[in-house]
Amino acid sequence: MASWQFDQFVKITQSHKIEPFYVFLGEEIYLIEEALKTLKNQIFQNGGEDFNLDVYDASEVDMEQVAQAVETLPMMSERRLIIL
């Protein structure tokens, strides 16, 4: 698994090299939120956020629901974004 600093992550996503999944880890909540915002902006440049974004609280969600979201194809967009 690759490990990047925030500025490296921004450069990579801005070049449209978006990986199938990311794990954001650390104590700096602000940087995690900024990374998610950067990722959302890249994925949903042309809209589609209403149909293709799912956000779940891992401590409260049934994993079957997350699995269904993962298996759902994007609607009117190239990608889906699932935040857990």
PDB file of N, CA and C in Angstrom:
ATOM      1  N   MET A   1       0.850  -1.170   0.000  1.00  0.00           N
ATOM      2  CA  MET A   1       0.000   0.000   0.000  1.00  0.00           C
ATOM      3  C   MET A   1       0.897   1.235   0.000  1.00  0.00           C
ATOM      4  N   ALA A   2       0.580   2.177  -0.847  1.00  0.00           N
ATOM      5  CA  ALA A   2       1.345   3.413  -0.931  1.00  0.00           C
ATOM      6  C   ALA A   2       0.971   4.340   0.223  1.00  0.00           C
ATOM      7  N   SER A   3       1.926   5.111   0.649  1.00  0.00           N
ATOM      8  CA  SER A   3       1.692   6.086   1.707  1.00  0.00           C
ATOM      9  C   SER A   3       2.099   7.457   1.180  1.00  0.00           C
ATOM     10  N   TRP A   4       1.171   8.419   1.245  1.00  0.00           N
ATOM     11  CA  TRP A   4       1.442   9.746   0.694  1.00  0.00           C
ATOM     12  C   TRP A   4       1.208  10.814   1.735  1.00  0.00           C
ATOM     13  N   GLN A   5       1.905  11.905   1.559  1.00  0.00           N
ATOM     14  CA  GLN A   5       1.598  13.118   2.307  1.00  0.00           C
ATOM     15  C   GLN A   5       0.421  13.788   1.613  1.00  0.00           C
ATOM     16  N   PHE A   6      -0.235  14.721   2.282  1.00  0.00           N
ATOM     17  CA  PHE A   6      -1.424  15.354   1.724  1.00  0.00           C
ATOM     18  C   PHE A   6      -1.159  16.001   0.374  1.00  0.00           C
ATOM     19  N   ASP A   7      -0.067  16.755   0.250  1.00  0.00           N
ATOM     20  CA  ASP A   7       0.213  17.444  -1.010  1.00  0.00           C
ATOM     21  C   ASP A   7       0.467  16.457  -2.156  1.00  0.00           C
ATOM     22  N   GLN A   8       1.066  15.306  -1.849  1.00  0.00           N
ATOM     23  CA  GLN A   8       1.254  14.274  -2.874  1.00  0.00           C
ATOM     24  C   GLN A   8      -0.089  13.710  -3.325  1.00  0.00           C
ATOM     25  N   PHE A   9      -0.983  13.478  -2.375  1.00  0.00           N
ATOM     26  CA  PHE A   9      -2.313  12.963  -2.693  1.00  0.00           C
ATOM     27  C   PHE A   9      -3.059  13.924  -3.613  1.00  0.00           C
ATOM     28  N   VAL A  10      -3.005  15.213  -3.310  1.00  0.00           N
ATOM     29  CA  VAL A  10      -3.691  16.219  -4.129  1.00  0.00           C
ATOM     30  C   VAL A  10      -3.139  16.214  -5.554  1.00  0.00           C
ATOM     31  N   LYS A  11      -1.831  16.169  -5.704  1.00  0.00           N
ATOM     32  CA  LYS A  11      -1.222  16.152  -7.045  1.00  0.00           C
ATOM     33  C   LYS A  11      -1.651  14.918  -7.834  1.00  0.00           C
ATOM     34  N   ILE A  12      -1.679  13.772  -7.184  1.00  0.00           N
ATOM     35  CA  ILE A  12      -2.051  12.529  -7.859  1.00  0.00           C
ATOM     36  C   ILE A  12      -3.513  12.561  -8.287  1.00  0.00           C
ATOM     37  N   THR A  13      -4.405  12.987  -7.412  1.00  0.00           N
ATOM     38  CA  THR A  13      -5.828  13.020  -7.775  1.00  0.00           C
ATOM     39  C   THR A  13      -6.109  14.085  -8.825  1.00  0.00           C
ATOM     40  N   GLN A  14      -5.399  15.191  -8.792  1.00  0.00           N
ATOM     41  CA  GLN A  14      -5.610  16.224  -9.805  1.00  0.00           C
ATOM     42  C   GLN A  14      -5.153  15.767 -11.182  1.00  0.00           C
ATOM     43  N   SER A  15      -4.270  14.787 -11.230  1.00  0.00           N
ATOM     44  CA  SER A  15      -3.850  14.240 -12.521  1.00  0.00           C
ATOM     45  C   SER A  15      -4.787  13.122 -12.971  1.00  0.00           C
ATOM     46  N   HIS A  16      -5.928  12.981 -12.274  1.00  0.00           N
ATOM     47  CA  HIS A  16      -6.992  12.015 -12.600  1.00  0.00           C
ATOM     48  C   HIS A  16      -6.554  10.569 -12.436  1.00  0.00           C
ATOM     49  N   LYS A  17      -5.565  10.324 -11.612  1.00  0.00           N
ATOM     50  CA  LYS A  17      -5.144   8.959 -11.294  1.00  0.00           C
ATOM     51  C   LYS A  17      -5.820   8.556  -9.985  1.00  0.00           C
ATOM     52  N   ILE A  18      -7.068   8.155 -10.079  1.00  0.00           N
ATOM     53  CA  ILE A  18      -7.845   7.820  -8.894  1.00  0.00           C
ATOM     54  C   ILE A  18      -7.878   6.306  -8.735  1.00  0.00           C
ATOM     55  N   GLU A  19      -7.448   5.856  -7.579  1.00  0.00           N
ATOM     56  CA  GLU A  19      -7.388   4.432  -7.271  1.00  0.00           C
ATOM     57  C   GLU A  19      -8.775   3.906  -6.897  1.00  0.00           C
ATOM     58  N   PRO A  20      -8.965   2.580  -6.924  1.00  0.00           N
ATOM     59  CA  PRO A  20     -10.269   2.009  -6.569  1.00  0.00           C
ATOM     60  C   PRO A  20     -10.682   2.278  -5.127  1.00  0.00           C
ATOM     61  N   PHE A  21      -9.709   2.352  -4.208  1.00  0.00           N
ATOM     62  CA  PHE A  21     -10.063   2.691  -2.830  1.00  0.00           C
ATOM     63  C   PHE A  21      -8.883   3.338  -2.120  1.00  0.00           C
ATOM     64  N   TYR A  22      -9.199   4.096  -1.084  1.00  0.00           N
ATOM     65  CA  TYR A  22      -8.203   4.766  -0.253  1.00  0.00           C
ATOM     66  C   TYR A  22      -8.533   4.510   1.201  1.00  0.00           C
ATOM     67  N   VAL A  23      -7.496   4.504   2.027  1.00  0.00           N
ATOM     68  CA  VAL A  23      -7.653   4.451   3.473  1.00  0.00           C
ATOM     69  C   VAL A  23      -6.969   5.699   4.018  1.00  0.00           C
ATOM     70  N   PHE A  24      -7.758   6.573   4.643  1.00  0.00           N
ATOM     71  CA  PHE A  24      -7.207   7.773   5.256  1.00  0.00           C
ATOM     72  C   PHE A  24      -7.053   7.498   6.740  1.00  0.00           C
ATOM     73  N   LEU A  25      -5.845   7.654   7.225  1.00  0.00           N
ATOM     74  CA  LEU A  25      -5.533   7.265   8.587  1.00  0.00           C
ATOM     75  C   LEU A  25      -4.680   8.336   9.233  1.00  0.00           C
ATOM     76  N   GLY A  26      -4.980   8.669  10.463  1.00  0.00           N
ATOM     77  CA  GLY A  26      -4.156   9.624  11.190  1.00  0.00           C
ATOM     78  C   GLY A  26      -4.975  10.445  12.155  1.00  0.00           C
ATOM     79  N   GLU A  27      -4.273  11.237  12.929  1.00  0.00           N
ATOM     80  CA  GLU A  27      -4.923  12.056  13.947  1.00  0.00           C
ATOM     81  C   GLU A  27      -5.380  13.403  13.400  1.00  0.00           C
ATOM     82  N   GLU A  28      -4.906  13.780  12.241  1.00  0.00           N
ATOM     83  CA  GLU A  28      -5.211  15.091  11.667  1.00  0.00           C
ATOM     84  C   GLU A  28      -6.531  15.035  10.906  1.00  0.00           C
ATOM     85  N   ILE A  29      -7.631  15.192  11.614  1.00  0.00           N
ATOM     86  CA  ILE A  29      -8.981  15.098  11.038  1.00  0.00           C
ATOM     87  C   ILE A  29      -9.173  16.126   9.925  1.00  0.00           C
ATOM     88  N   TYR A  30      -8.623  17.319  10.103  1.00  0.00           N
ATOM     89  CA  TYR A  30      -8.769  18.361   9.082  1.00  0.00           C
ATOM     90  C   TYR A  30      -8.204  17.889   7.739  1.00  0.00           C
ATOM     91  N   LEU A  31      -7.031  17.268   7.749  1.00  0.00           N
ATOM     92  CA  LEU A  31      -6.428  16.804   6.495  1.00  0.00           C
ATOM     93  C   LEU A  31      -7.225  15.665   5.868  1.00  0.00           C
ATOM     94  N   ILE A  32      -7.801  14.814   6.696  1.00  0.00           N
ATOM     95  CA  ILE A  32      -8.647  13.739   6.169  1.00  0.00           C
ATOM     96  C   ILE A  32      -9.876  14.333   5.495  1.00  0.00           C
ATOM     97  N   GLU A  33     -10.496  15.319   6.130  1.00  0.00           N
ATOM     98  CA  GLU A  33     -11.661  15.975   5.531  1.00  0.00           C
ATOM     99  C   GLU A  33     -11.287  16.691   4.236  1.00  0.00           C
ATOM    100  N   GLU A  34     -10.128  17.319   4.201  1.00  0.00           N
ATOM    101  CA  GLU A  34      -9.667  17.989   2.980  1.00  0.00           C
ATOM    102  C   GLU A  34      -9.371  16.974   1.871  1.00  0.00           C
ATOM    103  N   ALA A  35      -8.805  15.840   2.241  1.00  0.00           N
ATOM    104  CA  ALA A  35      -8.536  14.789   1.250  1.00  0.00           C
ATOM    105  C   ALA A  35      -9.847  14.271   0.668  1.00  0.00           C
ATOM    106  N   LEU A  36     -10.854  14.072   1.523  1.00  0.00           N
ATOM    107  CA  LEU A  36     -12.164  13.625   1.030  1.00  0.00           C
ATOM    108  C   LEU A  36     -12.792  14.675   0.122  1.00  0.00           C
ATOM    109  N   LYS A  37     -12.661  15.935   0.494  1.00  0.00           N
ATOM    110  CA  LYS A  37     -13.195  17.016  -0.337  1.00  0.00           C
ATOM    111  C   LYS A  37     -12.495  17.047  -1.697  1.00  0.00           C
ATOM    112  N   THR A  38     -11.189  16.871  -1.709  1.00  0.00           N
ATOM    113  CA  THR A  38     -10.418  16.834  -2.957  1.00  0.00           C
ATOM    114  C   THR A  38     -10.876  15.665  -3.827  1.00  0.00           C
ATOM    115  N   LEU A  39     -11.055  14.515  -3.211  1.00  0.00           N
ATOM    116  CA  LEU A  39     -11.489  13.328  -3.945  1.00  0.00           C
ATOM    117  C   LEU A  39     -12.887  13.531  -4.523  1.00  0.00           C
ATOM    118  N   LYS A  40     -13.804  14.081  -3.727  1.00  0.00           N
ATOM    119  CA  LYS A  40     -15.166  14.361  -4.214  1.00  0.00           C
ATOM    120  C   LYS A  40     -15.143  15.314  -5.399  1.00  0.00           C
ATOM    121  N   ASN A  41     -14.331  16.361  -5.290  1.00  0.00           N
ATOM    122  CA  ASN A  41     -14.251  17.344  -6.376  1.00  0.00           C
ATOM    123  C   ASN A  41     -13.742  16.718  -7.668  1.00  0.00           C
ATOM    124  N   GLN A  42     -12.802  15.798  -7.575  1.00  0.00           N
ATOM    125  CA  GLN A  42     -12.278  15.138  -8.768  1.00  0.00           C
ATOM    126  C   GLN A  42     -13.274  14.146  -9.355  1.00  0.00           C
ATOM    127  N   ILE A  43     -13.935  13.390  -8.503  1.00  0.00           N
ATOM    128  CA  ILE A  43     -14.859  12.368  -8.994  1.00  0.00           C
ATOM    129  C   ILE A  43     -16.126  12.990  -9.555  1.00  0.00           C
ATOM    130  N   PHE A  44     -16.608  14.045  -8.918  1.00  0.00           N
ATOM    131  CA  PHE A  44     -17.889  14.630  -9.311  1.00  0.00           C
ATOM    132  C   PHE A  44     -17.736  15.977 -10.001  1.00  0.00           C
ATOM    133  N   GLN A  45     -16.733  16.130 -10.838  1.00  0.00           N
ATOM    134  CA  GLN A  45     -16.526  17.377 -11.581  1.00  0.00           C
ATOM    135  C   GLN A  45     -17.729  17.730 -12.441  1.00  0.00           C
ATOM    136  N   ASN A  46     -18.363  16.724 -13.011  1.00  0.00           N
ATOM    137  CA  ASN A  46     -19.500  16.958 -13.908  1.00  0.00           C
ATOM    138  C   ASN A  46     -20.833  16.629 -13.253  1.00  0.00           C
ATOM    139  N   GLY A  47     -20.875  16.629 -11.938  1.00  0.00           N
ATOM    140  CA  GLY A  47     -22.110  16.325 -11.226  1.00  0.00           C
ATOM    141  C   GLY A  47     -22.240  14.836 -10.937  1.00  0.00           C
ATOM    142  N   GLY A  48     -23.427  14.439 -10.511  1.00  0.00           N
ATOM    143  CA  GLY A  48     -23.702  13.044 -10.225  1.00  0.00           C
ATOM    144  C   GLY A  48     -23.550  12.669  -8.768  1.00  0.00           C
ATOM    145  N   GLU A  49     -23.199  13.633  -7.944  1.00  0.00           N
ATOM    146  CA  GLU A  49     -22.989  13.357  -6.525  1.00  0.00           C
ATOM    147  C   GLU A  49     -24.254  12.849  -5.840  1.00  0.00           C
ATOM    148  N   ASP A  50     -25.403  13.349  -6.247  1.00  0.00           N
ATOM    149  CA  ASP A  50     -26.666  12.940  -5.622  1.00  0.00           C
ATOM    150  C   ASP A  50     -26.929  11.448  -5.775  1.00  0.00           C
ATOM    151  N   PHE A  51     -26.536  10.870  -6.879  1.00  0.00           N
ATOM    152  CA  PHE A  51     -26.805   9.462  -7.155  1.00  0.00           C
ATOM    153  C   PHE A  51     -25.640   8.539  -6.791  1.00  0.00           C
ATOM    154  N   ASN A  52     -24.440   9.077  -6.695  1.00  0.00           N
ATOM    155  CA  ASN A  52     -23.247   8.238  -6.623  1.00  0.00           C
ATOM    156  C   ASN A  52     -22.381   8.443  -5.385  1.00  0.00           C
ATOM    157  N   LEU A  53     -22.926   9.059  -4.363  1.00  0.00           N
ATOM    158  CA  LEU A  53     -22.185   9.255  -3.121  1.00  0.00           C
ATOM    159  C   LEU A  53     -22.964   8.640  -1.976  1.00  0.00           C
ATOM    160  N   ASP A  54     -22.316   7.745  -1.253  1.00  0.00           N
ATOM    161  CA  ASP A  54     -22.896   7.129  -0.063  1.00  0.00           C
ATOM    162  C   ASP A  54     -21.923   7.341   1.090  1.00  0.00           C
ATOM    163  N   VAL A  55     -22.440   7.801   2.229  1.00  0.00           N
ATOM    164  CA  VAL A  55     -21.621   8.028   3.415  1.00  0.00           C
ATOM    165  C   VAL A  55     -22.215   7.222   4.553  1.00  0.00           C
ATOM    166  N   TYR A  56     -21.374   6.416   5.204  1.00  0.00           N
ATOM    167  CA  TYR A  56     -21.823   5.543   6.283  1.00  0.00           C
ATOM    168  C   TYR A  56     -20.954   5.735   7.522  1.00  0.00           C
ATOM    169  N   ASP A  57     -21.558   5.561   8.681  1.00  0.00           N
ATOM    170  CA  ASP A  57     -20.834   5.512   9.945  1.00  0.00           C
ATOM    171  C   ASP A  57     -20.533   4.039  10.217  1.00  0.00           C
ATOM    172  N   ALA A  58     -19.270   3.684  10.234  1.00  0.00           N
ATOM    173  CA  ALA A  58     -18.873   2.274  10.347  1.00  0.00           C
ATOM    174  C   ALA A  58     -19.365   1.625  11.636  1.00  0.00           C
ATOM    175  N   SER A  59     -19.565   2.408  12.668  1.00  0.00           N
ATOM    176  CA  SER A  59     -19.998   1.825  13.937  1.00  0.00           C
ATOM    177  C   SER A  59     -21.501   1.542  13.966  1.00  0.00           C
ATOM    178  N   GLU A  60     -22.238   2.075  12.984  1.00  0.00           N
ATOM    179  CA  GLU A  60     -23.693   1.936  13.012  1.00  0.00           C
ATOM    180  C   GLU A  60     -24.289   1.206  11.814  1.00  0.00           C
ATOM    181  N   VAL A  61     -23.545   1.058  10.739  1.00  0.00           N
ATOM    182  CA  VAL A  61     -24.107   0.529   9.500  1.00  0.00           C
ATOM    183  C   VAL A  61     -23.982  -0.993   9.445  1.00  0.00           C
ATOM    184  N   ASP A  62     -24.938  -1.598   8.789  1.00  0.00           N
ATOM    185  CA  ASP A  62     -24.882  -3.027   8.498  1.00  0.00           C
ATOM    186  C   ASP A  62     -23.962  -3.204   7.283  1.00  0.00           C
ATOM    187  N   MET A  63     -22.971  -4.053   7.390  1.00  0.00           N
ATOM    188  CA  MET A  63     -22.000  -4.236   6.314  1.00  0.00           C
ATOM    189  C   MET A  63     -22.643  -4.752   5.030  1.00  0.00           C
ATOM    190  N   GLU A  64     -23.775  -5.394   5.131  1.00  0.00           N
ATOM    191  CA  GLU A  64     -24.509  -5.836   3.938  1.00  0.00           C
ATOM    192  C   GLU A  64     -24.945  -4.617   3.107  1.00  0.00           C
ATOM    193  N   GLN A  65     -25.334  -3.561   3.801  1.00  0.00           N
ATOM    194  CA  GLN A  65     -25.742  -2.326   3.119  1.00  0.00           C
ATOM    195  C   GLN A  65     -24.544  -1.709   2.375  1.00  0.00           C
ATOM    196  N   VAL A  66     -23.382  -1.734   3.001  1.00  0.00           N
ATOM    197  CA  VAL A  66     -22.169  -1.216   2.358  1.00  0.00           C
ATOM    198  C   VAL A  66     -21.809  -2.084   1.153  1.00  0.00           C
ATOM    199  N   ALA A  67     -21.912  -3.400   1.308  1.00  0.00           N
ATOM    200  CA  ALA A  67     -21.608  -4.314   0.200  1.00  0.00           C
ATOM    201  C   ALA A  67     -22.527  -4.049  -0.993  1.00  0.00           C
ATOM    202  N   GLN A  68     -23.794  -3.790  -0.725  1.00  0.00           N
ATOM    203  CA  GLN A  68     -24.730  -3.481  -1.813  1.00  0.00           C
ATOM    204  C   GLN A  68     -24.343  -2.181  -2.514  1.00  0.00           C
ATOM    205  N   ALA A  69     -23.919  -1.184  -1.749  1.00  0.00           N
ATOM    206  CA  ALA A  69     -23.500   0.086  -2.343  1.00  0.00           C
ATOM    207  C   ALA A  69     -22.262  -0.106  -3.218  1.00  0.00           C
ATOM    208  N   VAL A  70     -21.342  -0.935  -2.751  1.00  0.00           N
ATOM    209  CA  VAL A  70     -20.117  -1.208  -3.516  1.00  0.00           C
ATOM    210  C   VAL A  70     -20.443  -1.888  -4.838  1.00  0.00           C
ATOM    211  N   GLU A  71     -21.419  -2.773  -4.841  1.00  0.00           N
ATOM    212  CA  GLU A  71     -21.775  -3.523  -6.038  1.00  0.00           C
ATOM    213  C   GLU A  71     -22.678  -2.744  -7.000  1.00  0.00           C
ATOM    214  N   THR A  72     -23.212  -1.612  -6.563  1.00  0.00           N
ATOM    215  CA  THR A  72     -24.098  -0.810  -7.400  1.00  0.00           C
ATOM    216  C   THR A  72     -23.280  -0.018  -8.425  1.00  0.00           C
ATOM    217  N   LEU A  73     -23.669  -0.093  -9.674  1.00  0.00           N
ATOM    218  CA  LEU A  73     -22.980   0.649 -10.731  1.00  0.00           C
ATOM    219  C   LEU A  73     -23.293   2.136 -10.620  1.00  0.00           C
ATOM    220  N   PRO A  74     -22.373   2.994 -11.048  1.00  0.00           N
ATOM    221  CA  PRO A  74     -22.634   4.434 -11.014  1.00  0.00           C
ATOM    222  C   PRO A  74     -23.762   4.818 -11.971  1.00  0.00           C
ATOM    223  N   MET A  75     -24.508   5.841 -11.580  1.00  0.00           N
ATOM    224  CA  MET A  75     -25.607   6.327 -12.411  1.00  0.00           C
ATOM    225  C   MET A  75     -25.232   7.687 -13.000  1.00  0.00           C
ATOM    226  N   MET A  76     -25.211   7.774 -14.314  1.00  0.00           N
ATOM    227  CA  MET A  76     -24.903   9.003 -15.045  1.00  0.00           C
ATOM    228  C   MET A  76     -23.556   9.596 -14.628  1.00  0.00           C
ATOM    229  N   SER A  77     -22.617   8.739 -14.312  1.00  0.00           N
ATOM    230  CA  SER A  77     -21.290   9.159 -13.901  1.00  0.00           C
ATOM    231  C   SER A  77     -20.328   8.005 -14.152  1.00  0.00           C
ATOM    232  N   GLU A  78     -19.062   8.308 -14.170  1.00  0.00           N
ATOM    233  CA  GLU A  78     -18.063   7.275 -14.396  1.00  0.00           C
ATOM    234  C   GLU A  78     -17.746   6.496 -13.115  1.00  0.00           C
ATOM    235  N   ARG A  79     -17.923   7.140 -11.953  1.00  0.00           N
ATOM    236  CA  ARG A  79     -17.524   6.527 -10.692  1.00  0.00           C
ATOM    237  C   ARG A  79     -18.568   6.737  -9.597  1.00  0.00           C
ATOM    238  N   ARG A  80     -18.443   5.908  -8.555  1.00  0.00           N
ATOM    239  CA  ARG A  80     -19.195   6.065  -7.309  1.00  0.00           C
ATOM    240  C   ARG A  80     -18.180   6.346  -6.218  1.00  0.00           C
ATOM    241  N   LEU A  81     -18.631   7.011  -5.172  1.00  0.00           N
ATOM    242  CA  LEU A  81     -17.777   7.254  -4.005  1.00  0.00           C
ATOM    243  C   LEU A  81     -18.536   6.782  -2.780  1.00  0.00           C
ATOM    244  N   ILE A  82     -17.907   5.882  -2.045  1.00  0.00           N
ATOM    245  CA  ILE A  82     -18.500   5.356  -0.810  1.00  0.00           C
ATOM    246  C   ILE A  82     -17.542   5.689   0.316  1.00  0.00           C
ATOM    247  N   ILE A  83     -18.030   6.429   1.286  1.00  0.00           N
ATOM    248  CA  ILE A  83     -17.218   6.838   2.431  1.00  0.00           C
ATOM    249  C   ILE A  83     -17.714   6.073   3.651  1.00  0.00           C
ATOM    250  N   LEU A  84     -16.805   5.376   4.274  1.00  0.00           N
ATOM    251  CA  LEU A  84     -17.152   4.571   5.451  1.00  0.00           C
ATOM    252  C   LEU A  84     -16.317   5.054   6.613  1.00  0.00           C
TER     253      LEU A  84
END
